[in-house]
C-alpha atoms as a PDB file:
ATOM      1  CA  MET A   1     128.287 169.964  90.580  1.00  0.00           C
ATOM      2  CA  GLU A   2     125.599 171.024  88.622  1.00  0.00           C
ATOM      3  CA  THR A   3     124.302 167.763  88.133  1.00  0.00           C
ATOM      4  CA  GLU A   4     124.503 167.311  92.018  1.00  0.00           C
ATOM      5  CA  LEU A   5     122.691 170.239  92.537  1.00  0.00           C
ATOM      6  CA  SER A   6     120.036 169.054  89.972  1.00  0.00           C
ATOM      7  CA  ASN A   7     120.186 165.353  91.746  1.00  0.00           C
ATOM      8  CA  GLN A   8     119.232 167.864  95.041  1.00  0.00           C
ATOM      9  CA  GLN A   9     116.777 169.667  93.632  1.00  0.00           C
ATOM     10  CA  ARG A  10     114.833 166.871  91.880  1.00  0.00           C
ATOM     11  CA  TYR A  11     115.426 165.162  94.983  1.00  0.00           C
ATOM     12  CA  TYR A  12     113.569 167.702  96.544  1.00  0.00           C
ATOM     13  CA  LYS A  13     110.905 168.385  94.798  1.00  0.00           C
ATOM     14  CA  ALA A  14     110.143 164.471  94.756  1.00  0.00           C
ATOM     15  CA  GLN A  15     110.270 164.716  98.472  1.00  0.00           C
ATOM     16  CA  LYS A  16     107.825 167.736  98.461  1.00  0.00           C
ATOM     17  CA  LYS A  17     105.221 165.773  95.481  1.00  0.00           C
ATOM     18  CA  VAL A  18     104.993 163.038  98.056  1.00  0.00           C
ATOM     19  CA  LYS A  19     104.305 165.268 100.631  1.00  0.00           C
ATOM     20  CA  GLU A  20     101.470 166.759  99.089  1.00  0.00           C
ATOM     21  CA  ILE A  21      99.940 163.569  98.093  1.00  0.00           C
ATOM     22  CA  LYS A  22     100.145 162.259 101.509  1.00  0.00           C
ATOM     23  CA  GLY A  23      98.087 165.487 102.760  1.00  0.00           C
ATOM     24  CA  PHE A  24      95.511 164.796  99.903  1.00  0.00           C
ATOM     25  CA  TYR A  25      94.949 161.140 100.767  1.00  0.00           C
ATOM     26  CA  THR A  26      94.914 162.306 104.557  1.00  0.00           C
ATOM     27  CA  HIS A  27      92.450 164.854 103.779  1.00  0.00           C
ATOM     28  CA  LEU A  28      90.437 161.947 101.857  1.00  0.00           C
ATOM     29  CA  THR A  29      90.404 159.597 104.519  1.00  0.00           C
ATOM     30  CA  VAL A  30      89.015 162.163 106.779  1.00  0.00           C
ATOM     31  CA  TYR A  31      86.330 163.201 104.806  1.00  0.00           C
ATOM     32  CA  CYS A  32      85.212 159.534 103.941  1.00  0.00           C
ATOM     33  CA  THR A  33      85.431 158.695 107.943  1.00  0.00           C
ATOM     34  CA  ILE A  34      83.739 161.975 109.314  1.00  0.00           C
ATOM     35  CA  ILE A  35      80.959 162.326 106.401  1.00  0.00           C
ATOM     36  CA  PRO A  36      79.159 159.406 107.621  1.00  0.00           C
ATOM     37  CA  VAL A  37      79.157 160.554 110.810  1.00  0.00           C
ATOM     38  CA  ILE A  38      77.797 163.806 110.600  1.00  0.00           C
ATOM     39  CA  ILE A  39      74.995 162.538 108.133  1.00  0.00           C
ATOM     40  CA  PHE A  40      74.064 159.854 111.075  1.00  0.00           C
ATOM     41  CA  VAL A  41      74.127 162.188 113.540  1.00  0.00           C
ATOM     42  CA  ASN A  42      71.638 164.433 111.086  1.00  0.00           C
ATOM     43  CA  LEU A  43      69.496 161.744 110.172  1.00  0.00           C
ATOM     44  CA  LYS A  44      68.863 160.450 114.038  1.00  0.00           C
ATOM     45  CA  PHE A  45      68.794 163.594 115.618  1.00  0.00           C
ATOM     46  CA  VAL A  46      66.855 166.387 112.955  1.00  0.00           C
ATOM     47  CA  PRO A  47      65.484 163.511 110.731  1.00  0.00           C
ATOM     48  CA  HIS A  48      63.703 166.303 109.032  1.00  0.00           C
ATOM     49  CA  PHE A  49      66.337 168.925 108.143  1.00  0.00           C
ATOM     50  CA  HIS A  50      69.275 167.530 105.882  1.00  0.00           C
ATOM     51  CA  TRP A  51      71.779 170.111 106.906  1.00  0.00           C
ATOM     52  CA  PHE A  52      74.277 167.216 106.154  1.00  0.00           C
ATOM     53  CA  TRP A  53      74.409 168.148 102.374  1.00  0.00           C
ATOM     54  CA  PHE A  54      75.661 171.632 103.228  1.00  0.00           C
ATOM     55  CA  SER A  55      79.015 169.749 105.120  1.00  0.00           C
ATOM     56  CA  LEU A  56      79.145 167.329 102.178  1.00  0.00           C
ATOM     57  CA  LEU A  57      79.204 169.761  99.456  1.00  0.00           C
ATOM     58  CA  GLY A  58      81.124 172.591 101.070  1.00  0.00           C
ATOM     59  CA  TRP A  59      84.317 170.079 101.972  1.00  0.00           C
ATOM     60  CA  GLY A  60      83.803 167.617  98.790  1.00  0.00           C
ATOM     61  CA  LEU A  61      84.326 171.160  97.215  1.00  0.00           C
ATOM     62  CA  GLY A  62      87.456 171.898  99.166  1.00  0.00           C
ATOM     63  CA  LEU A  63      88.602 168.124  98.550  1.00  0.00           C
ATOM     64  CA  PHE A  64      87.737 168.686  94.775  1.00  0.00           C
ATOM     65  CA  PHE A  65      90.606 171.929  94.963  1.00  0.00           C
ATOM     66  CA  HIS A  66      93.028 169.985  96.825  1.00  0.00           C
ATOM     67  CA  TRP A  67      93.032 167.060  94.262  1.00  0.00           C
ATOM     68  CA  LEU A  68      93.085 169.734  91.334  1.00  0.00           C
ATOM     69  CA  GLY A  69      96.021 171.449  93.189  1.00  0.00           C
ATOM     70  CA  VAL A  70      98.324 167.766  93.784  1.00  0.00           C
ATOM     71  CA  PHE A  71      97.856 165.964  90.897  1.00  0.00           C
ATOM     72  CA  GLY A  72      98.490 169.229  88.552  1.00  0.00           C
ATOM     73  CA  PHE A  73      94.974 169.894  86.760  1.00  0.00           C
ATOM     74  CA  ASN A  74      95.131 173.329  85.567  1.00  0.00           C
ATOM     75  CA  LEU A  75      92.343 175.637  85.126  1.00  0.00           C
ATOM     76  CA  LEU A  76      93.006 177.595  82.530  1.00  0.00           C
ATOM     77  CA  GLY A  77      96.435 177.193  82.228  1.00  0.00           C
ATOM     78  CA  PHE A  78      97.604 178.204  85.835  1.00  0.00           C
ATOM     79  CA  GLY A  79      98.742 176.277  88.095  1.00  0.00           C
ATOM     80  CA  LYS A  80     102.600 175.160  89.635  1.00  0.00           C
ATOM     81  CA  ASN A  81     103.675 174.351  85.985  1.00  0.00           C
ATOM     82  CA  TRP A  82     102.874 177.673  84.762  1.00  0.00           C
ATOM     83  CA  GLU A  83     104.952 179.213  87.659  1.00  0.00           C
ATOM     84  CA  GLU A  84     107.993 176.929  86.702  1.00  0.00           C
ATOM     85  CA  ARG A  85     107.919 177.895  83.309  1.00  0.00           C
ATOM     86  CA  LYS A  86     107.838 181.731  84.035  1.00  0.00           C
ATOM     87  CA  ILE A  87     110.762 181.027  86.499  1.00  0.00           C
ATOM     88  CA  LYS A  88     112.913 179.738  83.402  1.00  0.00           C
ATOM     89  CA  GLU A  89     111.297 182.004  81.270  1.00  0.00           C
ATOM     90  CA  PHE A  90     112.461 184.931  83.176  1.00  0.00           C
ATOM     91  CA  MET A  91     115.945 183.257  83.899  1.00  0.00           C
ATOM     92  CA  ASN A  92     116.211 182.360  80.315  1.00  0.00           C
ATOM     93  CA  ASP A  93     115.920 186.527  79.178  1.00  0.00           C
ATOM     94  CA  ASN A  94     118.554 187.704  81.553  1.00  0.00           C
ATOM     95  CA  ASN A  95     120.983 185.559  80.071  1.00  0.00           C
END
């Protein structure tokens, strides 16, 4: 029964990871589609002030942090792996 539970847990985690990756690639696709439109609108109607840089950099920064979160690159060791390690540590301390 324990192996069945662990298989279910692994399936749930894998399903969650696939959903996160899909969300990231959707975010990236929308970014790559909308930013050129914003640049075109800016350069067509207000060519003397390049305001598209604000959305390009701000949204790009958000996309970068989304990438960090999805693919598990931890800043200063704090991320999803940290949470799982702490849970296991507390479970082992109670035993």
